[in-house]
Amino acid sequence: MRRALGIIIAALSLAYAVATPARAVENGYTVNEIVDEGHRFFGATSGGLASVIEKAFQQYGLPNGYILGEEASGAFIGGLRFGEGTLFTKNAGEHRVFWQGPSLGLDVGGDGARTMMLVYNLPSVEAVYGRFGGVTGSAYLVGGVGMTMLKLNDITIVPVKTGVGARLGFNLGYLKITPMPTWNPF
């Protein structure tokens, strides 16, 4: 019985390996790579980071890029956020990026955050430059970890933030990613 079970498990493993596209593994980041990089980037204060990243992997799969950076934001019904960081890809290297964006909603407060953005379905580095729309919610006092989802065409960006400040509410807005810094959030 054990031998038959072992043969079945081996056959299923081989079938899975053959059916899994090699490109996704070569060009994508594994959950362990992202969690390890997140812990290095966010530090010891990121207790809930692994569970947030695992949830993103369950929902969206393997990202083929990620951005590490910092941002500041504030809102009183209308809000603004500005950030900068580095886009990492396995096949196109590292690229400096900047982001900014307006928001509108039932939202009040301000925060500063270290941000990791998981990037899915990125066909080229230039495709990341644009406006990614979505809904964001925040509820923390002093600090917290959060995840949202933003979309532009087939590209999905999942920002994972850990920050300090006081923020409560939800808003609708977009994140504009650019190759050069700008103070214009629109």
C-alpha atoms as a PDB file:
ATOM      1  CA  MET A   1       0.000   0.000   0.000  1.00  0.00           C
ATOM      2  CA  ARG A   2       2.780   2.445   0.908  1.00  0.00           C
ATOM      3  CA  ARG A   3       4.679   1.647  -2.268  1.00  0.00           C
ATOM      4  CA  ALA A   4       1.578   2.232  -4.411  1.00  0.00           C
ATOM      5  CA  LEU A   5       0.922   5.532  -2.611  1.00  0.00           C
ATOM      6  CA  GLY A   6       4.549   6.566  -3.170  1.00  0.00           C
ATOM      7  CA  ILE A   7       4.294   5.766  -6.893  1.00  0.00           C
ATOM      8  CA  ILE A   8       1.041   7.748  -7.184  1.00  0.00           C
ATOM      9  CA  ILE A   9       2.580  10.770  -5.398  1.00  0.00           C
ATOM     10  CA  ALA A  10       5.689  10.587  -7.615  1.00  0.00           C
ATOM     11  CA  ALA A  11       3.544  10.364 -10.773  1.00  0.00           C
ATOM     12  CA  LEU A  12       1.405  13.323  -9.701  1.00  0.00           C
ATOM     13  CA  SER A  13       4.532  15.350  -8.859  1.00  0.00           C
ATOM     14  CA  LEU A  14       6.014  14.583 -12.286  1.00  0.00           C
ATOM     15  CA  ALA A  15       2.741  15.466 -14.036  1.00  0.00           C
ATOM     16  CA  TYR A  16       2.581  18.761 -12.123  1.00  0.00           C
ATOM     17  CA  ALA A  17       6.198  19.590 -13.000  1.00  0.00           C
ATOM     18  CA  VAL A  18       5.574  18.898 -16.700  1.00  0.00           C
ATOM     19  CA  ALA A  19       2.290  20.871 -16.735  1.00  0.00           C
ATOM     20  CA  THR A  20       3.714  23.890 -14.868  1.00  0.00           C
ATOM     21  CA  PRO A  21       5.131  26.484 -17.299  1.00  0.00           C
ATOM     22  CA  ALA A  22       8.860  26.935 -16.765  1.00  0.00           C
ATOM     23  CA  ARG A  23       8.571  30.631 -17.660  1.00  0.00           C
ATOM     24  CA  ALA A  24       6.473  31.395 -14.560  1.00  0.00           C
ATOM     25  CA  VAL A  25       9.152  29.915 -12.307  1.00  0.00           C
ATOM     26  CA  GLU A  26      12.071  31.548 -14.166  1.00  0.00           C
ATOM     27  CA  ASN A  27      10.540  35.022 -14.359  1.00  0.00           C
ATOM     28  CA  GLY A  28       8.455  34.980 -11.185  1.00  0.00           C
ATOM     29  CA  TYR A  29       9.399  35.384  -7.558  1.00  0.00           C
ATOM     30  CA  THR A  30       8.497  32.666  -5.062  1.00  0.00           C
ATOM     31  CA  VAL A  31       6.686  33.403  -1.829  1.00  0.00           C
ATOM     32  CA  ASN A  32       9.877  32.623   0.118  1.00  0.00           C
ATOM     33  CA  GLU A  33      11.920  35.106  -1.945  1.00  0.00           C
ATOM     34  CA  ILE A  34       9.353  37.858  -1.370  1.00  0.00           C
ATOM     35  CA  VAL A  35       8.857  37.135   2.344  1.00  0.00           C
ATOM     36  CA  ASP A  36      12.639  37.055   2.923  1.00  0.00           C
ATOM     37  CA  GLU A  37      13.113  40.330   1.035  1.00  0.00           C
ATOM     38  CA  GLY A  38      10.173  41.847   2.934  1.00  0.00           C
ATOM     39  CA  HIS A  39      11.679  40.947   6.278  1.00  0.00           C
ATOM     40  CA  ARG A  40      15.024  42.447   5.232  1.00  0.00           C
ATOM     41  CA  PHE A  41      13.277  45.600   3.986  1.00  0.00           C
ATOM     42  CA  PHE A  42      10.652  46.108   6.701  1.00  0.00           C
ATOM     43  CA  GLY A  43      12.718  44.811   9.628  1.00  0.00           C
ATOM     44  CA  ALA A  44      11.553  43.152  12.807  1.00  0.00           C
ATOM     45  CA  THR A  45       8.365  45.254  13.096  1.00  0.00           C
ATOM     46  CA  SER A  46       6.708  43.294  10.300  1.00  0.00           C
ATOM     47  CA  GLY A  47       5.080  40.546  12.340  1.00  0.00           C
ATOM     48  CA  GLY A  48       2.033  40.192  10.060  1.00  0.00           C
ATOM     49  CA  LEU A  49       4.012  40.612   6.844  1.00  0.00           C
ATOM     50  CA  ALA A  50       4.305  36.909   5.970  1.00  0.00           C
ATOM     51  CA  SER A  51       0.554  36.308   6.248  1.00  0.00           C
ATOM     52  CA  VAL A  52      -0.250  39.388   4.138  1.00  0.00           C
ATOM     53  CA  ILE A  53       2.217  38.319   1.411  1.00  0.00           C
ATOM     54  CA  GLU A  54       0.937  34.732   1.476  1.00  0.00           C
ATOM     55  CA  LYS A  55      -2.605  36.056   0.962  1.00  0.00           C
ATOM     56  CA  ALA A  56      -1.410  38.022  -2.096  1.00  0.00           C
ATOM     57  CA  PHE A  57       0.245  34.887  -3.504  1.00  0.00           C
ATOM     58  CA  GLN A  58      -2.940  32.872  -2.956  1.00  0.00           C
ATOM     59  CA  GLN A  59      -5.046  35.459  -4.771  1.00  0.00           C
ATOM     60  CA  TYR A  60      -2.708  36.548  -7.583  1.00  0.00           C
ATOM     61  CA  GLY A  61       0.045  33.918  -7.979  1.00  0.00           C
ATOM     62  CA  LEU A  62       3.736  34.622  -8.625  1.00  0.00           C
ATOM     63  CA  PRO A  63       4.701  38.263  -9.270  1.00  0.00           C
ATOM     64  CA  ASN A  64       7.262  38.900 -12.001  1.00  0.00           C
ATOM     65  CA  GLY A  65       8.503  42.055 -10.291  1.00  0.00           C
ATOM     66  CA  TYR A  66       8.373  43.987  -7.055  1.00  0.00           C
ATOM     67  CA  ILE A  67       9.000  47.549  -5.893  1.00  0.00           C
ATOM     68  CA  LEU A  68      10.606  48.459  -2.567  1.00  0.00           C
ATOM     69  CA  GLY A  69      10.258  52.057  -1.429  1.00  0.00           C
ATOM     70  CA  GLU A  70       8.889  54.628   0.972  1.00  0.00           C
ATOM     71  CA  GLU A  71       5.884  56.908   0.792  1.00  0.00           C
ATOM     72  CA  ALA A  72       4.088  59.627   2.685  1.00  0.00           C
ATOM     73  CA  SER A  73       0.384  60.365   2.457  1.00  0.00           C
ATOM     74  CA  GLY A  74      -2.308  62.437   4.058  1.00  0.00           C
ATOM     75  CA  ALA A  75      -6.023  62.906   3.651  1.00  0.00           C
ATOM     76  CA  PHE A  76      -8.987  64.894   4.810  1.00  0.00           C
ATOM     77  CA  ILE A  77     -11.757  63.702   2.457  1.00  0.00           C
ATOM     78  CA  GLY A  78      -9.351  64.336  -0.437  1.00  0.00           C
ATOM     79  CA  GLY A  79      -5.838  63.018  -0.124  1.00  0.00           C
ATOM     80  CA  LEU A  80      -2.421  62.828  -1.728  1.00  0.00           C
ATOM     81  CA  ARG A  81       0.462  60.404  -1.571  1.00  0.00           C
ATOM     82  CA  PHE A  82       4.012  60.521  -2.842  1.00  0.00           C
ATOM     83  CA  GLY A  83       6.672  57.830  -2.877  1.00  0.00           C
ATOM     84  CA  GLU A  84       9.855  56.562  -4.428  1.00  0.00           C
ATOM     85  CA  GLY A  85      11.558  53.212  -4.707  1.00  0.00           C
ATOM     86  CA  THR A  86      13.211  50.623  -6.910  1.00  0.00           C
ATOM     87  CA  LEU A  87      11.527  48.164  -9.275  1.00  0.00           C
ATOM     88  CA  PHE A  88      13.215  44.741  -9.220  1.00  0.00           C
ATOM     89  CA  THR A  89      12.727  42.218 -12.034  1.00  0.00           C
ATOM     90  CA  LYS A  90      14.509  38.958 -12.716  1.00  0.00           C
ATOM     91  CA  ASN A  91      14.938  39.563 -16.430  1.00  0.00           C
ATOM     92  CA  ALA A  92      15.237  43.380 -16.746  1.00  0.00           C
ATOM     93  CA  GLY A  93      17.239  44.358 -13.637  1.00  0.00           C
ATOM     94  CA  GLU A  94      16.580  47.243 -11.247  1.00  0.00           C
ATOM     95  CA  HIS A  95      14.914  50.558 -12.132  1.00  0.00           C
ATOM     96  CA  ARG A  96      14.236  53.665 -10.015  1.00  0.00           C
ATOM     97  CA  VAL A  97      10.520  54.575  -9.920  1.00  0.00           C
ATOM     98  CA  PHE A  98       8.410  57.293  -8.333  1.00  0.00           C
ATOM     99  CA  TRP A  99       4.709  57.346  -7.546  1.00  0.00           C
ATOM    100  CA  GLN A 100       2.111  59.877  -6.612  1.00  0.00           C
ATOM    101  CA  GLY A 101      -1.629  60.009  -6.624  1.00  0.00           C
ATOM    102  CA  PRO A 102      -4.814  61.665  -5.447  1.00  0.00           C
ATOM    103  CA  SER A 103      -7.685  60.048  -3.585  1.00  0.00           C
ATOM    104  CA  LEU A 104     -11.242  60.971  -2.662  1.00  0.00           C
ATOM    105  CA  GLY A 105     -13.380  59.355   0.027  1.00  0.00           C
ATOM    106  CA  LEU A 106     -14.238  59.070   3.676  1.00  0.00           C
ATOM    107  CA  ASP A 107     -10.646  59.217   4.805  1.00  0.00           C
ATOM    108  CA  VAL A 108      -8.749  61.271   7.362  1.00  0.00           C
ATOM    109  CA  GLY A 109      -5.230  61.148   8.740  1.00  0.00           C
ATOM    110  CA  GLY A 110      -1.654  60.870   7.651  1.00  0.00           C
ATOM    111  CA  ASP A 111       1.050  58.263   7.523  1.00  0.00           C
ATOM    112  CA  GLY A 112       4.553  57.440   6.449  1.00  0.00           C
ATOM    113  CA  ALA A 113       5.160  53.922   5.205  1.00  0.00           C
ATOM    114  CA  ARG A 114       7.695  51.504   3.859  1.00  0.00           C
ATOM    115  CA  THR A 115       6.067  49.911   0.852  1.00  0.00           C
ATOM    116  CA  MET A 116       6.581  46.686  -1.077  1.00  0.00           C
ATOM    117  CA  MET A 117       4.529  46.491  -4.269  1.00  0.00           C
ATOM    118  CA  LEU A 118       4.129  43.072  -5.868  1.00  0.00           C
ATOM    119  CA  VAL A 119       3.859  43.474  -9.659  1.00  0.00           C
ATOM    120  CA  TYR A 120       1.963  40.904 -11.738  1.00  0.00           C
ATOM    121  CA  ASN A 121       1.859  40.416 -15.537  1.00  0.00           C
ATOM    122  CA  LEU A 122       4.476  43.094 -16.254  1.00  0.00           C
ATOM    123  CA  PRO A 123       5.411  42.664 -19.942  1.00  0.00           C
ATOM    124  CA  SER A 124       8.183  45.307 -19.859  1.00  0.00           C
ATOM    125  CA  VAL A 125       9.601  47.906 -17.503  1.00  0.00           C
ATOM    126  CA  GLU A 126       7.970  50.727 -19.486  1.00  0.00           C
ATOM    127  CA  ALA A 127       4.522  49.159 -18.935  1.00  0.00           C
ATOM    128  CA  VAL A 128       4.683  49.983 -15.208  1.00  0.00           C
ATOM    129  CA  TYR A 129       4.539  53.718 -15.980  1.00  0.00           C
ATOM    130  CA  GLY A 130       0.902  54.797 -15.813  1.00  0.00           C
ATOM    131  CA  ARG A 131      -2.125  55.228 -13.564  1.00  0.00           C
ATOM    132  CA  PHE A 132      -3.225  52.217 -11.514  1.00  0.00           C
ATOM    133  CA  GLY A 133      -6.712  52.629 -10.061  1.00  0.00           C
ATOM    134  CA  GLY A 134      -8.301  51.049  -7.026  1.00  0.00           C
ATOM    135  CA  VAL A 135      -9.995  51.357  -3.652  1.00  0.00           C
ATOM    136  CA  THR A 136      -7.939  51.701  -0.481  1.00  0.00           C
ATOM    137  CA  GLY A 137      -8.913  51.326   3.139  1.00  0.00           C
ATOM    138  CA  SER A 138      -6.914  52.208   6.241  1.00  0.00           C
ATOM    139  CA  ALA A 139      -7.532  51.717   9.915  1.00  0.00           C
ATOM    140  CA  TYR A 140      -4.619  52.138  12.269  1.00  0.00           C
ATOM    141  CA  LEU A 141      -3.331  54.242  15.075  1.00  0.00           C
ATOM    142  CA  VAL A 142       0.448  54.437  15.513  1.00  0.00           C
ATOM    143  CA  GLY A 143       1.236  51.589  13.058  1.00  0.00           C
ATOM    144  CA  GLY A 144      -0.024  48.690  10.993  1.00  0.00           C
ATOM    145  CA  VAL A 145       0.373  46.428   7.969  1.00  0.00           C
ATOM    146  CA  GLY A 146      -2.014  46.585   5.017  1.00  0.00           C
ATOM    147  CA  MET A 147      -2.519  45.333   1.459  1.00  0.00           C
ATOM    148  CA  THR A 148      -4.510  46.725  -1.469  1.00  0.00           C
ATOM    149  CA  MET A 149      -4.851  45.913  -5.180  1.00  0.00           C
ATOM    150  CA  LEU A 150      -4.447  48.359  -8.078  1.00  0.00           C
ATOM    151  CA  LYS A 151      -4.925  47.615 -11.776  1.00  0.00           C
ATOM    152  CA  LEU A 152      -3.975  49.031 -15.186  1.00  0.00           C
ATOM    153  CA  ASN A 153      -4.995  46.898 -18.185  1.00  0.00           C
ATOM    154  CA  ASP A 154      -3.606  43.395 -17.469  1.00  0.00           C
ATOM    155  CA  ILE A 155      -0.985  44.595 -14.962  1.00  0.00           C
ATOM    156  CA  THR A 156      -1.839  44.251 -11.274  1.00  0.00           C
ATOM    157  CA  ILE A 157       0.079  45.918  -8.467  1.00  0.00           C
ATOM    158  CA  VAL A 158      -0.441  44.824  -4.863  1.00  0.00           C
ATOM    159  CA  PRO A 159       1.059  47.372  -2.438  1.00  0.00           C
ATOM    160  CA  VAL A 160       1.925  45.939   0.970  1.00  0.00           C
ATOM    161  CA  LYS A 161       2.604  48.726   3.476  1.00  0.00           C
ATOM    162  CA  THR A 162       3.806  48.963   7.008  1.00  0.00           C
ATOM    163  CA  GLY A 163       3.666  52.450   8.386  1.00  0.00           C
ATOM    164  CA  VAL A 164       3.335  54.816  11.264  1.00  0.00           C
ATOM    165  CA  GLY A 165       0.734  57.516  11.711  1.00  0.00           C
ATOM    166  CA  ALA A 166      -2.987  57.741  12.309  1.00  0.00           C
ATOM    167  CA  ARG A 167      -5.360  56.930   9.488  1.00  0.00           C
ATOM    168  CA  LEU A 168      -9.007  55.874   9.268  1.00  0.00           C
ATOM    169  CA  GLY A 169     -11.305  55.463   6.303  1.00  0.00           C
ATOM    170  CA  PHE A 170     -11.522  54.309   2.722  1.00  0.00           C
ATOM    171  CA  ASN A 171     -11.006  56.094  -0.565  1.00  0.00           C
ATOM    172  CA  LEU A 172     -11.058  55.756  -4.315  1.00  0.00           C
ATOM    173  CA  GLY A 173      -8.004  56.896  -6.196  1.00  0.00           C
ATOM    174  CA  TYR A 174      -5.097  55.981  -8.365  1.00  0.00           C
ATOM    175  CA  LEU A 175      -1.369  55.620  -8.152  1.00  0.00           C
ATOM    176  CA  LYS A 176       0.644  57.182 -10.985  1.00  0.00           C
ATOM    177  CA  ILE A 177       4.051  55.533 -11.424  1.00  0.00           C
ATOM    178  CA  THR A 178       6.674  57.585 -13.269  1.00  0.00           C
ATOM    179  CA  PRO A 179      10.392  57.259 -14.143  1.00  0.00           C
ATOM    180  CA  MET A 180      11.115  60.765 -12.794  1.00  0.00           C
ATOM    181  CA  PRO A 181       9.911  62.529  -9.612  1.00  0.00           C
ATOM    182  CA  THR A 182       7.109  65.071  -9.890  1.00  0.00           C
ATOM    183  CA  TRP A 183       4.991  67.050  -7.455  1.00  0.00           C
ATOM    184  CA  ASN A 184       1.954  66.826  -9.742  1.00  0.00           C
ATOM    185  CA  PRO A 185      -0.216  63.972  -8.399  1.00  0.00           C
ATOM    186  CA  PHE A 186      -2.516  64.102 -11.415  1.00  0.00           C
END
